[in-house]
Amino acid sequence: MFVSIMQISGRENLFVSMLPLFLIFAIFYFLLILPQQRMRKEHQIMLSKLSKGDRVITNGGIYATVIEVKGNIVVLKISENTKIEIQKEAIAQKLK
C-alpha cells in the first residue's frame, strides 16, 4: 500500500513540475506562433489578389506598379522605362 501511494505522488510531482513548461508553451503559441500564421495567411491572400495597376512595395523596399501577373512571377514598373520581373513572394505589401 505504501508503494502505491509513493507511485501516485511521484506521478503528481511529475505533472506539477511539468505544468510551468506547458504554460510557457501555451503562452508562446498564442503570442508568437498564432499571430505569425495569421499574418502569413493574410499575405498569401494579398498576393493572390494582385492585379494590374496595384502599387506595391517589394521586400527590398522598391516602390512599383504591377504591370502583369504571370503565375508566380510579377512584372513591375519602377519608372517610365524600367520594368523588372520578381517572384510574387518578394512583394512585401500592397499600397492603398
PDB file of N, CA and C in Angstrom:
ATOM      1  N   MET A   1       0.819  -1.194   0.000  1.00  0.00           N
ATOM      2  CA  MET A   1       0.000   0.000   0.000  1.00  0.00           C
ATOM      3  C   MET A   1       0.863   1.259   0.000  1.00  0.00           C
ATOM      4  N   PHE A   2       1.901   1.247   0.771  1.00  0.00           N
ATOM      5  CA  PHE A   2       2.797   2.396   0.842  1.00  0.00           C
ATOM      6  C   PHE A   2       3.479   2.652  -0.503  1.00  0.00           C
ATOM      7  N   VAL A   3       3.814   1.585  -1.221  1.00  0.00           N
ATOM      8  CA  VAL A   3       4.466   1.707  -2.524  1.00  0.00           C
ATOM      9  C   VAL A   3       3.522   2.361  -3.530  1.00  0.00           C
ATOM     10  N   SER A   4       2.246   1.965  -3.542  1.00  0.00           N
ATOM     11  CA  SER A   4       1.299   2.554  -4.486  1.00  0.00           C
ATOM     12  C   SER A   4       1.060   4.029  -4.180  1.00  0.00           C
ATOM     13  N   ILE A   5       1.066   4.417  -2.929  1.00  0.00           N
ATOM     14  CA  ILE A   5       0.918   5.832  -2.564  1.00  0.00           C
ATOM     15  C   ILE A   5       2.124   6.620  -3.052  1.00  0.00           C
ATOM     16  N   MET A   6       3.311   6.051  -2.933  1.00  0.00           N
ATOM     17  CA  MET A   6       4.525   6.720  -3.404  1.00  0.00           C
ATOM     18  C   MET A   6       4.495   6.889  -4.925  1.00  0.00           C
ATOM     19  N   GLN A   7       3.987   5.886  -5.642  1.00  0.00           N
ATOM     20  CA  GLN A   7       3.924   5.979  -7.095  1.00  0.00           C
ATOM     21  C   GLN A   7       2.954   7.066  -7.532  1.00  0.00           C
ATOM     22  N   ILE A   8       1.821   7.167  -6.883  1.00  0.00           N
ATOM     23  CA  ILE A   8       0.841   8.200  -7.226  1.00  0.00           C
ATOM     24  C   ILE A   8       1.416   9.580  -6.967  1.00  0.00           C
ATOM     25  N   SER A   9       2.025   9.772  -5.823  1.00  0.00           N
ATOM     26  CA  SER A   9       2.568  11.089  -5.517  1.00  0.00           C
ATOM     27  C   SER A   9       3.737  11.414  -6.442  1.00  0.00           C
ATOM     28  N   GLY A  10       4.483  10.409  -6.892  1.00  0.00           N
ATOM     29  CA  GLY A  10       5.559  10.643  -7.853  1.00  0.00           C
ATOM     30  C   GLY A  10       5.019  11.117  -9.187  1.00  0.00           C
ATOM     31  N   ARG A  11       3.921  10.540  -9.624  1.00  0.00           N
ATOM     32  CA  ARG A  11       3.292  10.969 -10.875  1.00  0.00           C
ATOM     33  C   ARG A  11       2.740  12.379 -10.739  1.00  0.00           C
ATOM     34  N   GLU A  12       2.156  12.673  -9.608  1.00  0.00           N
ATOM     35  CA  GLU A  12       1.637  14.024  -9.385  1.00  0.00           C
ATOM     36  C   GLU A  12       2.770  15.035  -9.367  1.00  0.00           C
ATOM     37  N   ASN A  13       3.890  14.669  -8.756  1.00  0.00           N
ATOM     38  CA  ASN A  13       5.038  15.568  -8.749  1.00  0.00           C
ATOM     39  C   ASN A  13       5.538  15.826 -10.163  1.00  0.00           C
ATOM     40  N   LEU A  14       5.543  14.808 -10.993  1.00  0.00           N
ATOM     41  CA  LEU A  14       5.960  14.976 -12.378  1.00  0.00           C
ATOM     42  C   LEU A  14       5.022  15.934 -13.103  1.00  0.00           C
ATOM     43  N   PHE A  15       3.725  15.757 -12.907  1.00  0.00           N
ATOM     44  CA  PHE A  15       2.752  16.651 -13.546  1.00  0.00           C
ATOM     45  C   PHE A  15       2.923  18.084 -13.054  1.00  0.00           C
ATOM     46  N   VAL A  16       3.072  18.250 -11.754  1.00  0.00           N
ATOM     47  CA  VAL A  16       3.226  19.590 -11.179  1.00  0.00           C
ATOM     48  C   VAL A  16       4.515  20.233 -11.673  1.00  0.00           C
ATOM     49  N   SER A  17       5.576  19.455 -11.810  1.00  0.00           N
ATOM     50  CA  SER A  17       6.836  20.025 -12.286  1.00  0.00           C
ATOM     51  C   SER A  17       6.785  20.345 -13.778  1.00  0.00           C
ATOM     52  N   MET A  18       5.959  19.655 -14.551  1.00  0.00           N
ATOM     53  CA  MET A  18       5.838  19.911 -15.988  1.00  0.00           C
ATOM     54  C   MET A  18       4.822  21.006 -16.305  1.00  0.00           C
ATOM     55  N   LEU A  19       3.973  21.347 -15.367  1.00  0.00           N
ATOM     56  CA  LEU A  19       2.927  22.344 -15.586  1.00  0.00           C
ATOM     57  C   LEU A  19       3.481  23.697 -16.045  1.00  0.00           C
ATOM     58  N   PRO A  20       4.526  24.250 -15.421  1.00  0.00           N
ATOM     59  CA  PRO A  20       5.060  25.525 -15.925  1.00  0.00           C
ATOM     60  C   PRO A  20       5.555  25.437 -17.367  1.00  0.00           C
ATOM     61  N   LEU A  21       6.123  24.297 -17.736  1.00  0.00           N
ATOM     62  CA  LEU A  21       6.585  24.116 -19.110  1.00  0.00           C
ATOM     63  C   LEU A  21       5.414  24.158 -20.092  1.00  0.00           C
ATOM     64  N   PHE A  22       4.319  23.496 -19.746  1.00  0.00           N
ATOM     65  CA  PHE A  22       3.125  23.531 -20.594  1.00  0.00           C
ATOM     66  C   PHE A  22       2.553  24.945 -20.689  1.00  0.00           C
ATOM     67  N   LEU A  23       2.541  25.665 -19.588  1.00  0.00           N
ATOM     68  CA  LEU A  23       2.034  27.040 -19.593  1.00  0.00           C
ATOM     69  C   LEU A  23       2.904  27.946 -20.457  1.00  0.00           C
ATOM     70  N   ILE A  24       4.214  27.789 -20.364  1.00  0.00           N
ATOM     71  CA  ILE A  24       5.117  28.592 -21.193  1.00  0.00           C
ATOM     72  C   ILE A  24       4.884  28.287 -22.671  1.00  0.00           C
ATOM     73  N   PHE A  25       4.714  27.016 -23.016  1.00  0.00           N
ATOM     74  CA  PHE A  25       4.452  26.656 -24.406  1.00  0.00           C
ATOM     75  C   PHE A  25       3.137  27.261 -24.892  1.00  0.00           C
ATOM     76  N   ALA A  26       2.098  27.218 -24.056  1.00  0.00           N
ATOM     77  CA  ALA A  26       0.798  27.781 -24.438  1.00  0.00           C
ATOM     78  C   ALA A  26       0.910  29.282 -24.673  1.00  0.00           C
ATOM     79  N   ILE A  27       1.599  29.973 -23.788  1.00  0.00           N
ATOM     80  CA  ILE A  27       1.789  31.422 -23.949  1.00  0.00           C
ATOM     81  C   ILE A  27       2.581  31.698 -25.219  1.00  0.00           C
ATOM     82  N   PHE A  28       3.647  30.947 -25.443  1.00  0.00           N
ATOM     83  CA  PHE A  28       4.469  31.097 -26.642  1.00  0.00           C
ATOM     84  C   PHE A  28       3.625  30.891 -27.895  1.00  0.00           C
ATOM     85  N   TYR A  29       2.770  29.885 -27.893  1.00  0.00           N
ATOM     86  CA  TYR A  29       1.933  29.595 -29.050  1.00  0.00           C
ATOM     87  C   TYR A  29       0.973  30.744 -29.339  1.00  0.00           C
ATOM     88  N   PHE A  30       0.275  31.226 -28.316  1.00  0.00           N
ATOM     89  CA  PHE A  30      -0.737  32.258 -28.536  1.00  0.00           C
ATOM     90  C   PHE A  30      -0.141  33.637 -28.807  1.00  0.00           C
ATOM     91  N   LEU A  31       1.053  33.917 -28.312  1.00  0.00           N
ATOM     92  CA  LEU A  31       1.647  35.233 -28.521  1.00  0.00           C
ATOM     93  C   LEU A  31       2.550  35.309 -29.745  1.00  0.00           C
ATOM     94  N   LEU A  32       3.125  34.195 -30.175  1.00  0.00           N
ATOM     95  CA  LEU A  32       4.068  34.245 -31.286  1.00  0.00           C
ATOM     96  C   LEU A  32       3.642  33.431 -32.506  1.00  0.00           C
ATOM     97  N   ILE A  33       3.324  32.187 -32.314  1.00  0.00           N
ATOM     98  CA  ILE A  33       3.063  31.304 -33.453  1.00  0.00           C
ATOM     99  C   ILE A  33       1.739  31.627 -34.134  1.00  0.00           C
ATOM    100  N   LEU A  34       0.668  31.758 -33.385  1.00  0.00           N
ATOM    101  CA  LEU A  34      -0.655  32.014 -33.957  1.00  0.00           C
ATOM    102  C   LEU A  34      -0.706  33.336 -34.733  1.00  0.00           C
ATOM    103  N   PRO A  35      -0.209  34.458 -34.182  1.00  0.00           N
ATOM    104  CA  PRO A  35      -0.222  35.700 -34.971  1.00  0.00           C
ATOM    105  C   PRO A  35       0.621  35.609 -36.243  1.00  0.00           C
ATOM    106  N   GLN A  36       1.739  34.896 -36.185  1.00  0.00           N
ATOM    107  CA  GLN A  36       2.573  34.745 -37.370  1.00  0.00           C
ATOM    108  C   GLN A  36       1.841  33.951 -38.449  1.00  0.00           C
ATOM    109  N   GLN A  37       1.099  32.929 -38.060  1.00  0.00           N
ATOM    110  CA  GLN A  37       0.320  32.157 -39.030  1.00  0.00           C
ATOM    111  C   GLN A  37      -0.768  33.019 -39.658  1.00  0.00           C
ATOM    112  N   ARG A  38      -1.405  33.863 -38.860  1.00  0.00           N
ATOM    113  CA  ARG A  38      -2.432  34.771 -39.402  1.00  0.00           C
ATOM    114  C   ARG A  38      -1.823  35.739 -40.408  1.00  0.00           C
ATOM    115  N   MET A  39      -0.660  36.312 -40.060  1.00  0.00           N
ATOM    116  CA  MET A  39      -0.009  37.255 -40.969  1.00  0.00           C
ATOM    117  C   MET A  39       0.388  36.567 -42.274  1.00  0.00           C
ATOM    118  N   ARG A  40       0.887  35.332 -42.187  1.00  0.00           N
ATOM    119  CA  ARG A  40       1.277  34.596 -43.388  1.00  0.00           C
ATOM    120  C   ARG A  40       0.058  34.337 -44.268  1.00  0.00           C
ATOM    121  N   LYS A  41      -1.071  33.993 -43.649  1.00  0.00           N
ATOM    122  CA  LYS A  41      -2.298  33.733 -44.404  1.00  0.00           C
ATOM    123  C   LYS A  41      -2.792  35.014 -45.081  1.00  0.00           C
ATOM    124  N   GLU A  42      -2.768  36.140 -44.364  1.00  0.00           N
ATOM    125  CA  GLU A  42      -3.180  37.419 -44.949  1.00  0.00           C
ATOM    126  C   GLU A  42      -2.267  37.806 -46.103  1.00  0.00           C
ATOM    127  N   HIS A  43      -0.965  37.543 -45.981  1.00  0.00           N
ATOM    128  CA  HIS A  43      -0.013  37.856 -47.041  1.00  0.00           C
ATOM    129  C   HIS A  43      -0.308  37.015 -48.282  1.00  0.00           C
ATOM    130  N   GLN A  44      -0.608  35.734 -48.089  1.00  0.00           N
ATOM    131  CA  GLN A  44      -0.945  34.867 -49.220  1.00  0.00           C
ATOM    132  C   GLN A  44      -2.218  35.337 -49.919  1.00  0.00           C
ATOM    133  N   ILE A  45      -3.207  35.777 -49.157  1.00  0.00           N
ATOM    134  CA  ILE A  45      -4.448  36.296 -49.744  1.00  0.00           C
ATOM    135  C   ILE A  45      -4.156  37.555 -50.543  1.00  0.00           C
ATOM    136  N   MET A  46      -3.321  38.447 -49.987  1.00  0.00           N
ATOM    137  CA  MET A  46      -2.958  39.681 -50.688  1.00  0.00           C
ATOM    138  C   MET A  46      -2.250  39.353 -51.999  1.00  0.00           C
ATOM    139  N   LEU A  47      -1.337  38.393 -51.975  1.00  0.00           N
ATOM    140  CA  LEU A  47      -0.616  38.024 -53.195  1.00  0.00           C
ATOM    141  C   LEU A  47      -1.546  37.418 -54.236  1.00  0.00           C
ATOM    142  N   SER A  48      -2.519  36.656 -53.809  1.00  0.00           N
ATOM    143  CA  SER A  48      -3.438  36.032 -54.767  1.00  0.00           C
ATOM    144  C   SER A  48      -4.364  37.058 -55.413  1.00  0.00           C
ATOM    145  N   LYS A  49      -4.555  38.204 -54.769  1.00  0.00           N
ATOM    146  CA  LYS A  49      -5.451  39.234 -55.304  1.00  0.00           C
ATOM    147  C   LYS A  49      -4.712  40.337 -56.057  1.00  0.00           C
ATOM    148  N   LEU A  50      -3.409  40.172 -56.286  1.00  0.00           N
ATOM    149  CA  LEU A  50      -2.664  41.190 -57.030  1.00  0.00           C
ATOM    150  C   LEU A  50      -3.200  41.305 -58.448  1.00  0.00           C
ATOM    151  N   SER A  51      -3.297  42.537 -58.925  1.00  0.00           N
ATOM    152  CA  SER A  51      -3.764  42.742 -60.294  1.00  0.00           C
ATOM    153  C   SER A  51      -3.046  43.941 -60.899  1.00  0.00           C
ATOM    154  N   LYS A  52      -3.204  44.097 -62.184  1.00  0.00           N
ATOM    155  CA  LYS A  52      -2.556  45.174 -62.922  1.00  0.00           C
ATOM    156  C   LYS A  52      -2.959  46.527 -62.334  1.00  0.00           C
ATOM    157  N   GLY A  53      -1.967  47.392 -62.147  1.00  0.00           N
ATOM    158  CA  GLY A  53      -2.222  48.732 -61.632  1.00  0.00           C
ATOM    159  C   GLY A  53      -2.042  48.874 -60.129  1.00  0.00           C
ATOM    160  N   ASP A  54      -1.902  47.773 -59.403  1.00  0.00           N
ATOM    161  CA  ASP A  54      -1.700  47.850 -57.952  1.00  0.00           C
ATOM    162  C   ASP A  54      -0.323  48.425 -57.637  1.00  0.00           C
ATOM    163  N   ARG A  55      -0.267  49.298 -56.638  1.00  0.00           N
ATOM    164  CA  ARG A  55       1.011  49.826 -56.139  1.00  0.00           C
ATOM    165  C   ARG A  55       1.492  48.901 -55.037  1.00  0.00           C
ATOM    166  N   VAL A  56       2.774  48.507 -55.100  1.00  0.00           N
ATOM    167  CA  VAL A  56       3.324  47.567 -54.132  1.00  0.00           C
ATOM    168  C   VAL A  56       4.695  48.032 -53.645  1.00  0.00           C
ATOM    169  N   ILE A  57       5.122  47.425 -52.546  1.00  0.00           N
ATOM    170  CA  ILE A  57       6.480  47.591 -52.042  1.00  0.00           C
ATOM    171  C   ILE A  57       7.100  46.200 -52.009  1.00  0.00           C
ATOM    172  N   THR A  58       8.306  46.069 -52.548  1.00  0.00           N
ATOM    173  CA  THR A  58       8.986  44.777 -52.527  1.00  0.00           C
ATOM    174  C   THR A  58       9.720  44.600 -51.204  1.00  0.00           C
ATOM    175  N   ASN A  59      10.208  43.381 -50.965  1.00  0.00           N
ATOM    176  CA  ASN A  59      10.985  43.122 -49.756  1.00  0.00           C
ATOM    177  C   ASN A  59      12.259  43.951 -49.716  1.00  0.00           C
ATOM    178  N   GLY A  60      12.732  44.380 -50.871  1.00  0.00           N
ATOM    179  CA  GLY A  60      13.923  45.221 -50.949  1.00  0.00           C
ATOM    180  C   GLY A  60      13.628  46.696 -50.767  1.00  0.00           C
ATOM    181  N   GLY A  61      12.359  47.059 -50.589  1.00  0.00           N
ATOM    182  CA  GLY A  61      11.988  48.450 -50.360  1.00  0.00           C
ATOM    183  C   GLY A  61      11.715  49.244 -51.623  1.00  0.00           C
ATOM    184  N   ILE A  62      11.544  48.574 -52.746  1.00  0.00           N
ATOM    185  CA  ILE A  62      11.280  49.254 -54.011  1.00  0.00           C
ATOM    186  C   ILE A  62       9.782  49.478 -54.164  1.00  0.00           C
ATOM    187  N   TYR A  63       9.399  50.721 -54.443  1.00  0.00           N
ATOM    188  CA  TYR A  63       8.006  51.062 -54.728  1.00  0.00           C
ATOM    189  C   TYR A  63       7.791  50.876 -56.222  1.00  0.00           C
ATOM    190  N   ALA A  64       6.721  50.166 -56.597  1.00  0.00           N
ATOM    191  CA  ALA A  64       6.488  49.885 -58.009  1.00  0.00           C
ATOM    192  C   ALA A  64       5.003  49.686 -58.267  1.00  0.00           C
ATOM    193  N   THR A  65       4.662  49.620 -59.558  1.00  0.00           N
ATOM    194  CA  THR A  65       3.297  49.364 -60.004  1.00  0.00           C
ATOM    195  C   THR A  65       3.273  48.037 -60.749  1.00  0.00           C
ATOM    196  N   VAL A  66       2.271  47.218 -60.461  1.00  0.00           N
ATOM    197  CA  VAL A  66       2.145  45.918 -61.125  1.00  0.00           C
ATOM    198  C   VAL A  66       1.694  46.140 -62.564  1.00  0.00           C
ATOM    199  N   ILE A  67       2.460  45.582 -63.491  1.00  0.00           N
ATOM    200  CA  ILE A  67       2.132  45.661 -64.912  1.00  0.00           C
ATOM    201  C   ILE A  67       1.434  44.383 -65.360  1.00  0.00           C
ATOM    202  N   GLU A  68       1.948  43.238 -64.860  1.00  0.00           N
ATOM    203  CA  GLU A  68       1.414  41.952 -65.296  1.00  0.00           C
ATOM    204  C   GLU A  68       1.706  40.900 -64.229  1.00  0.00           C
ATOM    205  N   VAL A  69       0.775  39.962 -64.072  1.00  0.00           N
ATOM    206  CA  VAL A  69       0.972  38.830 -63.166  1.00  0.00           C
ATOM    207  C   VAL A  69       0.968  37.568 -64.014  1.00  0.00           C
ATOM    208  N   LYS A  70       2.104  36.846 -63.998  1.00  0.00           N
ATOM    209  CA  LYS A  70       2.240  35.616 -64.785  1.00  0.00           C
ATOM    210  C   LYS A  70       2.554  34.469 -63.832  1.00  0.00           C
ATOM    211  N   GLY A  71       1.526  33.855 -63.289  1.00  0.00           N
ATOM    212  CA  GLY A  71       1.741  32.739 -62.364  1.00  0.00           C
ATOM    213  C   GLY A  71       2.429  33.197 -61.095  1.00  0.00           C
ATOM    214  N   ASN A  72       3.667  32.733 -60.906  1.00  0.00           N
ATOM    215  CA  ASN A  72       4.429  33.081 -59.714  1.00  0.00           C
ATOM    216  C   ASN A  72       5.340  34.284 -59.946  1.00  0.00           C
ATOM    217  N   ILE A  73       5.304  34.845 -61.153  1.00  0.00           N
ATOM    218  CA  ILE A  73       6.155  35.983 -61.497  1.00  0.00           C
ATOM    219  C   ILE A  73       5.291  37.220 -61.702  1.00  0.00           C
ATOM    220  N   VAL A  74       5.789  38.350 -61.202  1.00  0.00           N
ATOM    221  CA  VAL A  74       5.089  39.624 -61.340  1.00  0.00           C
ATOM    222  C   VAL A  74       6.014  40.592 -62.063  1.00  0.00           C
ATOM    223  N   VAL A  75       5.490  41.277 -63.069  1.00  0.00           N
ATOM    224  CA  VAL A  75       6.244  42.305 -63.777  1.00  0.00           C
ATOM    225  C   VAL A  75       5.877  43.639 -63.148  1.00  0.00           C
ATOM    226  N   LEU A  76       6.908  44.357 -62.684  1.00  0.00           N
ATOM    227  CA  LEU A  76       6.699  45.639 -62.014  1.00  0.00           C
ATOM    228  C   LEU A  76       7.301  46.773 -62.817  1.00  0.00           C
ATOM    229  N   LYS A  77       6.640  47.911 -62.779  1.00  0.00           N
ATOM    230  CA  LYS A  77       7.143  49.126 -63.414  1.00  0.00           C
ATOM    231  C   LYS A  77       7.640  50.031 -62.293  1.00  0.00           C
ATOM    232  N   ILE A  78       8.946  50.323 -62.332  1.00  0.00           N
ATOM    233  CA  ILE A  78       9.541  51.163 -61.298  1.00  0.00           C
ATOM    234  C   ILE A  78       9.507  52.627 -61.723  1.00  0.00           C
ATOM    235  N   SER A  79       9.859  52.875 -62.967  1.00  0.00           N
ATOM    236  CA  SER A  79       9.774  54.221 -63.534  1.00  0.00           C
ATOM    237  C   SER A  79       9.336  54.073 -64.989  1.00  0.00           C
ATOM    238  N   GLU A  80       9.330  55.159 -65.731  1.00  0.00           N
ATOM    239  CA  GLU A  80       8.814  55.134 -67.103  1.00  0.00           C
ATOM    240  C   GLU A  80       9.457  54.058 -67.966  1.00  0.00           C
ATOM    241  N   ASN A  81      10.759  53.930 -67.920  1.00  0.00           N
ATOM    242  CA  ASN A  81      11.445  52.992 -68.811  1.00  0.00           C
ATOM    243  C   ASN A  81      12.060  51.811 -68.066  1.00  0.00           C
ATOM    244  N   THR A  82      11.638  51.561 -66.846  1.00  0.00           N
ATOM    245  CA  THR A  82      12.243  50.492 -66.050  1.00  0.00           C
ATOM    246  C   THR A  82      11.189  49.497 -65.596  1.00  0.00           C
ATOM    247  N   LYS A  83      11.342  48.267 -66.068  1.00  0.00           N
ATOM    248  CA  LYS A  83      10.451  47.181 -65.658  1.00  0.00           C
ATOM    249  C   LYS A  83      11.314  46.040 -65.140  1.00  0.00           C
ATOM    250  N   ILE A  84      10.817  45.361 -64.111  1.00  0.00           N
ATOM    251  CA  ILE A  84      11.531  44.205 -63.572  1.00  0.00           C
ATOM    252  C   ILE A  84      10.549  43.061 -63.355  1.00  0.00           C
ATOM    253  N   GLU A  85      11.081  41.846 -63.361  1.00  0.00           N
ATOM    254  CA  GLU A  85      10.289  40.664 -63.035  1.00  0.00           C
ATOM    255  C   GLU A  85      10.773  40.144 -61.692  1.00  0.00           C
ATOM    256  N   ILE A  86       9.838  39.881 -60.787  1.00  0.00           N
ATOM    257  CA  ILE A  86      10.192  39.317 -59.488  1.00  0.00           C
ATOM    258  C   ILE A  86       9.208  38.205 -59.144  1.00  0.00           C
ATOM    259  N   GLN A  87       9.558  37.401 -58.158  1.00  0.00           N
ATOM    260  CA  GLN A  87       8.632  36.397 -57.661  1.00  0.00           C
ATOM    261  C   GLN A  87       7.562  37.085 -56.830  1.00  0.00           C
ATOM    262  N   LYS A  88       6.370  36.517 -56.832  1.00  0.00           N
ATOM    263  CA  LYS A  88       5.277  37.079 -56.030  1.00  0.00           C
ATOM    264  C   LYS A  88       5.667  37.183 -54.564  1.00  0.00           C
ATOM    265  N   GLU A  89       6.368  36.185 -54.057  1.00  0.00           N
ATOM    266  CA  GLU A  89       6.736  36.153 -52.640  1.00  0.00           C
ATOM    267  C   GLU A  89       7.635  37.322 -52.246  1.00  0.00           C
ATOM    268  N   ALA A  90       8.271  37.980 -53.229  1.00  0.00           N
ATOM    269  CA  ALA A  90       9.160  39.101 -52.935  1.00  0.00           C
ATOM    270  C   ALA A  90       8.394  40.403 -52.735  1.00  0.00           C
ATOM    271  N   ILE A  91       7.077  40.374 -52.849  1.00  0.00           N
ATOM    272  CA  ILE A  91       6.263  41.563 -52.607  1.00  0.00           C
ATOM    273  C   ILE A  91       5.885  41.591 -51.137  1.00  0.00           C
ATOM    274  N   ALA A  92       6.281  42.667 -50.470  1.00  0.00           N
ATOM    275  CA  ALA A  92       6.048  42.776 -49.030  1.00  0.00           C
ATOM    276  C   ALA A  92       4.626  43.216 -48.719  1.00  0.00           C
ATOM    277  N   GLN A  93       4.154  44.247 -49.429  1.00  0.00           N
ATOM    278  CA  GLN A  93       2.801  44.725 -49.156  1.00  0.00           C
ATOM    279  C   GLN A  93       2.240  45.481 -50.341  1.00  0.00           C
ATOM    280  N   LYS A  94       0.933  45.600 -50.329  1.00  0.00           N
ATOM    281  CA  LYS A  94       0.207  46.333 -51.365  1.00  0.00           C
ATOM    282  C   LYS A  94      -0.206  47.669 -50.768  1.00  0.00           C
ATOM    283  N   LEU A  95       0.074  48.746 -51.498  1.00  0.00           N
ATOM    284  CA  LEU A  95      -0.310  50.078 -51.038  1.00  0.00           C
ATOM    285  C   LEU A  95      -1.740  50.376 -51.436  1.00  0.00           C
ATOM    286  N   LYS A  96      -2.378  51.250 -50.694  1.00  0.00           N
ATOM    287  CA  LYS A  96      -3.776  51.579 -50.984  1.00  0.00           C
ATOM    288  C   LYS A  96      -3.881  52.803 -51.833  1.00  0.00           C
TER     289      LYS A  96
END
